[in-house]
C-alpha atoms as a PDB file:
ATOM      1  CA  MET A   1      -5.069  -7.938  17.153  1.00  0.00           C
ATOM      2  CA  GLU A   2      -2.933 -11.222  16.377  1.00  0.00           C
ATOM      3  CA  GLU A   3      -2.181 -11.853  12.972  1.00  0.00           C
ATOM      4  CA  GLN A   4      -4.117 -15.472  11.714  1.00  0.00           C
ATOM      5  CA  ASP A   5      -3.439 -17.592   8.650  1.00  0.00           C
ATOM      6  CA  TYR A   6      -6.402 -17.953   6.260  1.00  0.00           C
ATOM      7  CA  THR A   7      -5.821 -19.634   2.683  1.00  0.00           C
ATOM      8  CA  PRO A   8      -8.815 -18.610   0.156  1.00  0.00           C
ATOM      9  CA  ASP A   9      -9.318 -20.879  -2.942  1.00  0.00           C
ATOM     10  CA  SER A  10      -8.028 -18.158  -5.329  1.00  0.00           C
ATOM     11  CA  ASP A  11      -6.313 -18.392  -8.547  1.00  0.00           C
ATOM     12  CA  GLY A  12      -5.470 -14.638  -8.436  1.00  0.00           C
ATOM     13  CA  GLU A  13      -1.753 -13.259  -7.649  1.00  0.00           C
ATOM     14  CA  GLY A  14      -0.859 -10.235  -5.349  1.00  0.00           C
ATOM     15  CA  ALA A  15      -3.135  -7.296  -6.864  1.00  0.00           C
ATOM     16  CA  THR A  16      -0.919  -4.803  -6.135  1.00  0.00           C
ATOM     17  CA  ASP A  17       1.759  -6.745  -8.021  1.00  0.00           C
ATOM     18  CA  ASP A  18      -0.257  -6.249 -11.455  1.00  0.00           C
ATOM     19  CA  HIS A  19      -0.194  -3.572 -13.946  1.00  0.00           C
ATOM     20  CA  ASP A  20      -3.398  -4.126 -15.399  1.00  0.00           C
ATOM     21  CA  ASP A  21      -5.380  -1.360 -17.575  1.00  0.00           C
ATOM     22  CA  ALA A  22      -7.876  -1.503 -14.630  1.00  0.00           C
ATOM     23  CA  TRP A  23      -8.448  -1.964 -11.181  1.00  0.00           C
ATOM     24  CA  ASP A  24     -11.337  -4.415 -10.600  1.00  0.00           C
ATOM     25  CA  GLU A  25     -10.942  -5.381  -6.785  1.00  0.00           C
ATOM     26  CA  GLU A  26     -13.590  -4.088  -4.416  1.00  0.00           C
ATOM     27  CA  VAL A  27     -10.640  -2.417  -2.413  1.00  0.00           C
ATOM     28  CA  PRO A  28      -9.346   0.420  -3.779  1.00  0.00           C
ATOM     29  CA  GLU A  29      -5.893   0.164  -4.925  1.00  0.00           C
ATOM     30  CA  PRO A  30      -4.525   2.968  -2.644  1.00  0.00           C
ATOM     31  CA  THR A  31      -6.164   1.117   0.293  1.00  0.00           C
ATOM     32  CA  VAL A  32      -4.318  -2.159  -0.638  1.00  0.00           C
ATOM     33  CA  ASP A  33      -0.689  -0.258  -0.849  1.00  0.00           C
ATOM     34  CA  ALA A  34      -1.771   1.625   2.665  1.00  0.00           C
ATOM     35  CA  ALA A  35      -2.264  -2.355   3.608  1.00  0.00           C
ATOM     36  CA  GLU A  36       0.531  -3.467   2.268  1.00  0.00           C
ATOM     37  CA  ARG A  37       2.726  -0.682   3.796  1.00  0.00           C
ATOM     38  CA  LEU A  38       1.369  -0.804   7.319  1.00  0.00           C
ATOM     39  CA  THR A  39       2.093  -4.619   7.463  1.00  0.00           C
ATOM     40  CA  ARG A  40       5.312  -4.228   6.328  1.00  0.00           C
ATOM     41  CA  LEU A  41       5.993  -1.735   9.178  1.00  0.00           C
ATOM     42  CA  ALA A  42       4.069  -3.837  11.987  1.00  0.00           C
ATOM     43  CA  ARG A  43       6.781  -6.385  11.040  1.00  0.00           C
ATOM     44  CA  GLU A  44       9.627  -4.501  11.466  1.00  0.00           C
ATOM     45  CA  ALA A  45       8.503  -2.416  14.812  1.00  0.00           C
ATOM     46  CA  VAL A  46      10.656  -2.975  17.597  1.00  0.00           C
ATOM     47  CA  ASP A  47       7.704  -2.102  19.763  1.00  0.00           C
ATOM     48  CA  GLU A  48       4.570  -4.167  20.205  1.00  0.00           C
ATOM     49  CA  THR A  49       2.585  -1.245  20.756  1.00  0.00           C
ATOM     50  CA  GLU A  50       4.002   0.572  17.454  1.00  0.00           C
ATOM     51  CA  ALA A  51       3.397  -3.047  15.975  1.00  0.00           C
ATOM     52  CA  ASP A  52      -0.347  -2.956  17.071  1.00  0.00           C
ATOM     53  CA  ALA A  53      -0.887   0.780  16.284  1.00  0.00           C
ATOM     54  CA  TYR A  54      -0.274  -0.273  12.593  1.00  0.00           C
ATOM     55  CA  ARG A  55      -2.464  -2.811  12.558  1.00  0.00           C
ATOM     56  CA  GLU A  56      -4.947  -0.974  14.076  1.00  0.00           C
ATOM     57  CA  ASP A  57      -4.555   1.638  11.415  1.00  0.00           C
ATOM     58  CA  ARG A  58      -4.911  -0.776   8.677  1.00  0.00           C
ATOM     59  CA  ALA A  59      -7.961  -2.072  10.104  1.00  0.00           C
ATOM     60  CA  GLU A  60      -9.671   1.018  10.235  1.00  0.00           C
ATOM     61  CA  ARG A  61      -8.542   1.619   6.346  1.00  0.00           C
ATOM     62  CA  LEU A  62      -9.905  -1.960   5.397  1.00  0.00           C
ATOM     63  CA  THR A  63     -13.303  -1.810   7.781  1.00  0.00           C
ATOM     64  CA  ASP A  64     -14.181   1.578   5.567  1.00  0.00           C
ATOM     65  CA  HIS A  65     -14.210  -1.242   2.702  1.00  0.00           C
ATOM     66  CA  GLY A  66     -15.703  -3.913   4.548  1.00  0.00           C
ATOM     67  CA  PHE A  67     -12.482  -6.027   4.341  1.00  0.00           C
ATOM     68  CA  THR A  68     -10.323  -7.573   7.078  1.00  0.00           C
ATOM     69  CA  ALA A  69      -6.794  -8.584   6.789  1.00  0.00           C
ATOM     70  CA  ARG A  70      -4.719 -11.730   7.603  1.00  0.00           C
ATOM     71  CA  VAL A  71      -1.105 -12.614   6.857  1.00  0.00           C
ATOM     72  CA  ARG A  72      -0.562 -16.464   5.480  1.00  0.00           C
ATOM     73  CA  ASP A  73       2.602 -17.307   6.985  1.00  0.00           C
ATOM     74  CA  GLU A  74       2.958 -20.239   4.495  1.00  0.00           C
ATOM     75  CA  ASP A  75       3.641 -18.467   1.572  1.00  0.00           C
ATOM     76  CA  ASP A  76       4.301 -14.821   3.209  1.00  0.00           C
ATOM     77  CA  THR A  77       1.335 -13.284   1.761  1.00  0.00           C
ATOM     78  CA  LEU A  78      -1.030 -10.922   2.945  1.00  0.00           C
ATOM     79  CA  VAL A  79      -4.864 -11.637   2.487  1.00  0.00           C
ATOM     80  CA  LEU A  80      -7.537  -9.066   2.288  1.00  0.00           C
ATOM     81  CA  TYR A  81     -11.149 -10.510   2.490  1.00  0.00           C
ATOM     82  CA  PRO A  82     -14.818  -9.600   3.447  1.00  0.00           C
ATOM     83  CA  GLU A  83     -15.667  -8.957   6.863  1.00  0.00           C
ATOM     84  CA  GLU A  84     -19.151 -11.049   6.229  1.00  0.00           C
ATOM     85  CA  TRP A  85     -17.167 -14.029   5.976  1.00  0.00           C
ATOM     86  CA  MET A  86     -15.821 -13.476   9.558  1.00  0.00           C
ATOM     87  CA  GLU A  87     -17.688 -14.294  12.944  1.00  0.00           C
ATOM     88  CA  ASP A  88     -16.299 -14.035  16.321  1.00  0.00           C
ATOM     89  CA  GLY A  89     -12.736 -13.760  14.766  1.00  0.00           C
ATOM     90  CA  VAL A  90     -13.221 -17.132  12.578  1.00  0.00           C
ATOM     91  CA  VAL A  91     -13.884 -17.498   8.938  1.00  0.00           C
ATOM     92  CA  GLN A  92     -17.275 -19.562   8.185  1.00  0.00           C
ATOM     93  CA  ILE A  93     -16.416 -21.227   5.139  1.00  0.00           C
ATOM     94  CA  ASP A  94     -20.538 -21.484   4.410  1.00  0.00           C
ATOM     95  CA  ARG A  95     -20.283 -17.892   3.532  1.00  0.00           C
ATOM     96  CA  ILE A  96     -17.672 -17.872   1.199  1.00  0.00           C
ATOM     97  CA  GLU A  97     -19.192 -17.700  -2.324  1.00  0.00           C
ATOM     98  CA  ASP A  98     -16.894 -16.250  -4.478  1.00  0.00           C
ATOM     99  CA  THR A  99     -13.172 -16.578  -3.613  1.00  0.00           C
ATOM    100  CA  ASP A 100     -12.013 -13.730  -6.180  1.00  0.00           C
ATOM    101  CA  ARG A 101     -13.131 -10.874  -3.848  1.00  0.00           C
ATOM    102  CA  ALA A 102     -10.063 -11.916  -1.633  1.00  0.00           C
ATOM    103  CA  VAL A 103      -6.901  -9.728  -2.543  1.00  0.00           C
ATOM    104  CA  GLU A 104      -3.270 -11.501  -2.005  1.00  0.00           C
ATOM    105  CA  VAL A 105      -0.209  -9.341  -2.060  1.00  0.00           C
ATOM    106  CA  SER A 106       3.051 -10.790  -1.546  1.00  0.00           C
ATOM    107  CA  LEU A 107       5.069 -10.058   1.292  1.00  0.00           C
ATOM    108  CA  SER A 108       8.361 -11.621   0.118  1.00  0.00           C
ATOM    109  CA  GLY A 109       8.613  -9.752  -3.293  1.00  0.00           C
ATOM    110  CA  ALA A 110      10.746  -6.393  -4.404  1.00  0.00           C
ATOM    111  CA  GLY A 111      13.807  -6.920  -2.266  1.00  0.00           C
ATOM    112  CA  ASP A 112      14.434  -7.829   1.112  1.00  0.00           C
ATOM    113  CA  PRO A 113      12.242  -6.571   3.795  1.00  0.00           C
ATOM    114  CA  ASP A 114      14.989  -4.801   6.103  1.00  0.00           C
ATOM    115  CA  ASP A 115      15.773  -2.620   2.941  1.00  0.00           C
ATOM    116  CA  TRP A 116      12.238  -2.085   2.235  1.00  0.00           C
ATOM    117  CA  ALA A 117      11.962  -1.065   5.745  1.00  0.00           C
ATOM    118  CA  GLU A 118      14.579   1.516   5.429  1.00  0.00           C
ATOM    119  CA  VAL A 119      13.398   2.850   2.257  1.00  0.00           C
ATOM    120  CA  GLU A 120       9.818   3.073   3.641  1.00  0.00           C
ATOM    121  CA  ALA A 121      11.444   5.330   6.296  1.00  0.00           C
ATOM    122  CA  HIS A 122      13.136   7.424   4.055  1.00  0.00           C
ATOM    123  CA  ASN A 123      10.292   8.055   1.926  1.00  0.00           C
ATOM    124  CA  ALA A 124       8.133   8.869   4.734  1.00  0.00           C
ATOM    125  CA  GLU A 125      10.669  11.510   5.672  1.00  0.00           C
ATOM    126  CA  VAL A 126      10.575  13.352   2.055  1.00  0.00           C
ATOM    127  CA  VAL A 127       6.805  13.132   2.318  1.00  0.00           C
ATOM    128  CA  ASP A 128       6.758  14.923   5.464  1.00  0.00           C
ATOM    129  CA  ARG A 129       9.415  17.405   4.318  1.00  0.00           C
ATOM    130  CA  VAL A 130       7.016  18.331   1.315  1.00  0.00           C
ATOM    131  CA  ALA A 131       4.354  18.702   3.233  1.00  0.00           C
ATOM    132  CA  SER A 132       6.444  21.293   5.810  1.00  0.00           C
ATOM    133  CA  ASP A 133       7.748  23.093   2.801  1.00  0.00           C
ATOM    134  CA  TYR A 134       4.949  23.068   0.254  1.00  0.00           C
ATOM    135  CA  GLY A 135       1.588  21.971   2.075  1.00  0.00           C
ATOM    136  CA  GLU A 136      -0.696  18.910   1.797  1.00  0.00           C
ATOM    137  CA  VAL A 137      -1.819  19.094  -1.573  1.00  0.00           C
ATOM    138  CA  HIS A 138       1.716  18.308  -2.532  1.00  0.00           C
ATOM    139  CA  ALA A 139       2.369  16.050   0.429  1.00  0.00           C
ATOM    140  CA  THR A 140      -0.180  13.951  -0.730  1.00  0.00           C
ATOM    141  CA  ASN A 141       0.880  13.382  -4.364  1.00  0.00           C
ATOM    142  CA  ALA A 142       4.334  12.881  -2.565  1.00  0.00           C
ATOM    143  CA  ARG A 143       2.607   9.968  -0.847  1.00  0.00           C
ATOM    144  CA  ALA A 144       1.192   8.697  -3.620  1.00  0.00           C
ATOM    145  CA  PHE A 145       4.753   8.586  -5.476  1.00  0.00           C
ATOM    146  CA  ALA A 146       6.484   7.237  -2.161  1.00  0.00           C
ATOM    147  CA  ASP A 147       3.748   4.301  -2.109  1.00  0.00           C
ATOM    148  CA  PHE A 148       4.588   3.540  -5.927  1.00  0.00           C
ATOM    149  CA  MET A 149       8.217   3.965  -5.666  1.00  0.00           C
ATOM    150  CA  GLY A 150       7.965   1.682  -2.564  1.00  0.00           C
ATOM    151  CA  ASN A 151       5.474  -1.059  -2.954  1.00  0.00           C
ATOM    152  CA  HIS A 152       6.412  -1.660  -6.968  1.00  0.00           C
ATOM    153  CA  TYR A 153       9.991  -1.018  -6.755  1.00  0.00           C
ATOM    154  CA  ALA A 154      11.181  -0.917  -3.230  1.00  0.00           C
ATOM    155  CA  ARG A 155      13.254   2.030  -3.882  1.00  0.00           C
ATOM    156  CA  PRO A 156      13.371   5.462  -2.279  1.00  0.00           C
ATOM    157  CA  VAL A 157      11.416   8.225  -3.957  1.00  0.00           C
ATOM    158  CA  ASP A 158      14.816  10.589  -5.575  1.00  0.00           C
ATOM    159  CA  SER A 159      16.147   7.289  -7.093  1.00  0.00           C
ATOM    160  CA  ALA A 160      13.483   7.166  -9.844  1.00  0.00           C
ATOM    161  CA  SER A 161      14.625   7.201 -13.595  1.00  0.00           C
ATOM    162  CA  ALA A 162      12.668   8.921 -16.099  1.00  0.00           C
ATOM    163  CA  ASP A 163      10.998   6.153 -17.117  1.00  0.00           C
ATOM    164  CA  GLU A 164       9.412   5.364 -13.630  1.00  0.00           C
ATOM    165  CA  VAL A 165       8.375   8.971 -13.245  1.00  0.00           C
ATOM    166  CA  GLU A 166       6.517   8.827 -16.522  1.00  0.00           C
ATOM    167  CA  GLU A 167       4.950   5.365 -15.465  1.00  0.00           C
ATOM    168  CA  PHE A 168       3.818   6.998 -12.368  1.00  0.00           C
ATOM    169  CA  LEU A 169       2.314  10.088 -14.117  1.00  0.00           C
ATOM    170  CA  ALA A 170       0.711   8.235 -16.766  1.00  0.00           C
ATOM    171  CA  GLU A 171      -0.299   4.919 -15.161  1.00  0.00           C
ATOM    172  CA  TYR A 172      -0.231   4.776 -11.501  1.00  0.00           C
ATOM    173  CA  PHE A 173      -1.458   8.445 -10.264  1.00  0.00           C
ATOM    174  CA  PRO A 174      -4.747   8.862 -12.523  1.00  0.00           C
ATOM    175  CA  ARG A 175      -5.767   5.103 -11.876  1.00  0.00           C
ATOM    176  CA  ASN A 176      -4.847   4.201  -8.633  1.00  0.00           C
ATOM    177  CA  ALA A 177      -4.394   7.567  -6.565  1.00  0.00           C
ATOM    178  CA  TRP A 178      -7.655   8.766  -6.880  1.00  0.00           C
ATOM    179  CA  PRO A 179      -6.508  12.099  -7.408  1.00  0.00           C
ATOM    180  CA  THR A 180      -8.777  15.561  -6.680  1.00  0.00           C
ATOM    181  CA  ASP A 181      -8.655  18.014  -9.493  1.00  0.00           C
ATOM    182  CA  GLU A 182      -6.431  20.272  -7.579  1.00  0.00           C
ATOM    183  CA  GLN A 183      -3.654  17.252  -7.075  1.00  0.00           C
ATOM    184  CA  ARG A 184      -3.763  16.609 -10.602  1.00  0.00           C
ATOM    185  CA  ASP A 185      -3.145  20.185 -11.563  1.00  0.00           C
ATOM    186  CA  ALA A 186      -0.081  20.220  -9.051  1.00  0.00           C
ATOM    187  CA  VAL A 187       1.310  16.872  -9.611  1.00  0.00           C
ATOM    188  CA  GLU A 188       4.103  17.665 -11.655  1.00  0.00           C
ATOM    189  CA  ALA A 189       5.167  20.578  -9.261  1.00  0.00           C
ATOM    190  CA  SER A 190       4.803  17.905  -6.508  1.00  0.00           C
ATOM    191  CA  LEU A 191       7.413  15.661  -8.150  1.00  0.00           C
ATOM    192  CA  GLN A 192       9.680  18.701  -8.641  1.00  0.00           C
ATOM    193  CA  TYR A 193       9.369  19.412  -4.886  1.00  0.00           C
ATOM    194  CA  VAL A 194      10.118  15.898  -4.305  1.00  0.00           C
ATOM    195  CA  PHE A 195      13.364  16.078  -5.953  1.00  0.00           C
ATOM    196  CA  GLU A 196      14.174  19.634  -4.508  1.00  0.00           C
ATOM    197  CA  VAL A 197      13.658  18.478  -0.993  1.00  0.00           C
ATOM    198  CA  THR A 198      16.392  15.410  -1.658  1.00  0.00           C
ATOM    199  CA  ASP A 199      18.775  17.968  -3.350  1.00  0.00           C
ATOM    200  CA  ASP A 200      18.579  15.467  -6.340  1.00  0.00           C
END
């Protein structure tokens, strides 16, 4: 799917850059984080087939919530907006009743995109090692921690400070990861395993 530009008349900043007390967008924040991650991976992919696969994955995740994605090139922003605004791949202006429904995520923040791709590759490897050694519940928690460190700090998971771990446990994880009871009970052990597999 080819990226197209679209600029909604929204006053909002990139949603995933905010640390509000409550997430009030229609698209769950973990889905927004995943859309950002997949968009960055598609941009960095050398092979166009690989890039298309990332975009297709992003589209499927957003379709589950009735949304679609475009990259606005002029300010390097990922824009997520309702599919009902579209017809035959074109935004229908007369269907836009509330521009605040759109979610914007800056793709230029938190470091150089090349650095981000390297960080994501490292963090994904850590998640895979946690999955292999300790199982899917811990791997799911590790993936949430990787999204937190990658999207908010553009740093490897094993570089997290004590304050950042506390921020993840107290703020990001309970509100944004949508954990099951099993994940919630396991999360502290999951983070321990993240640091164990990186020998940190």
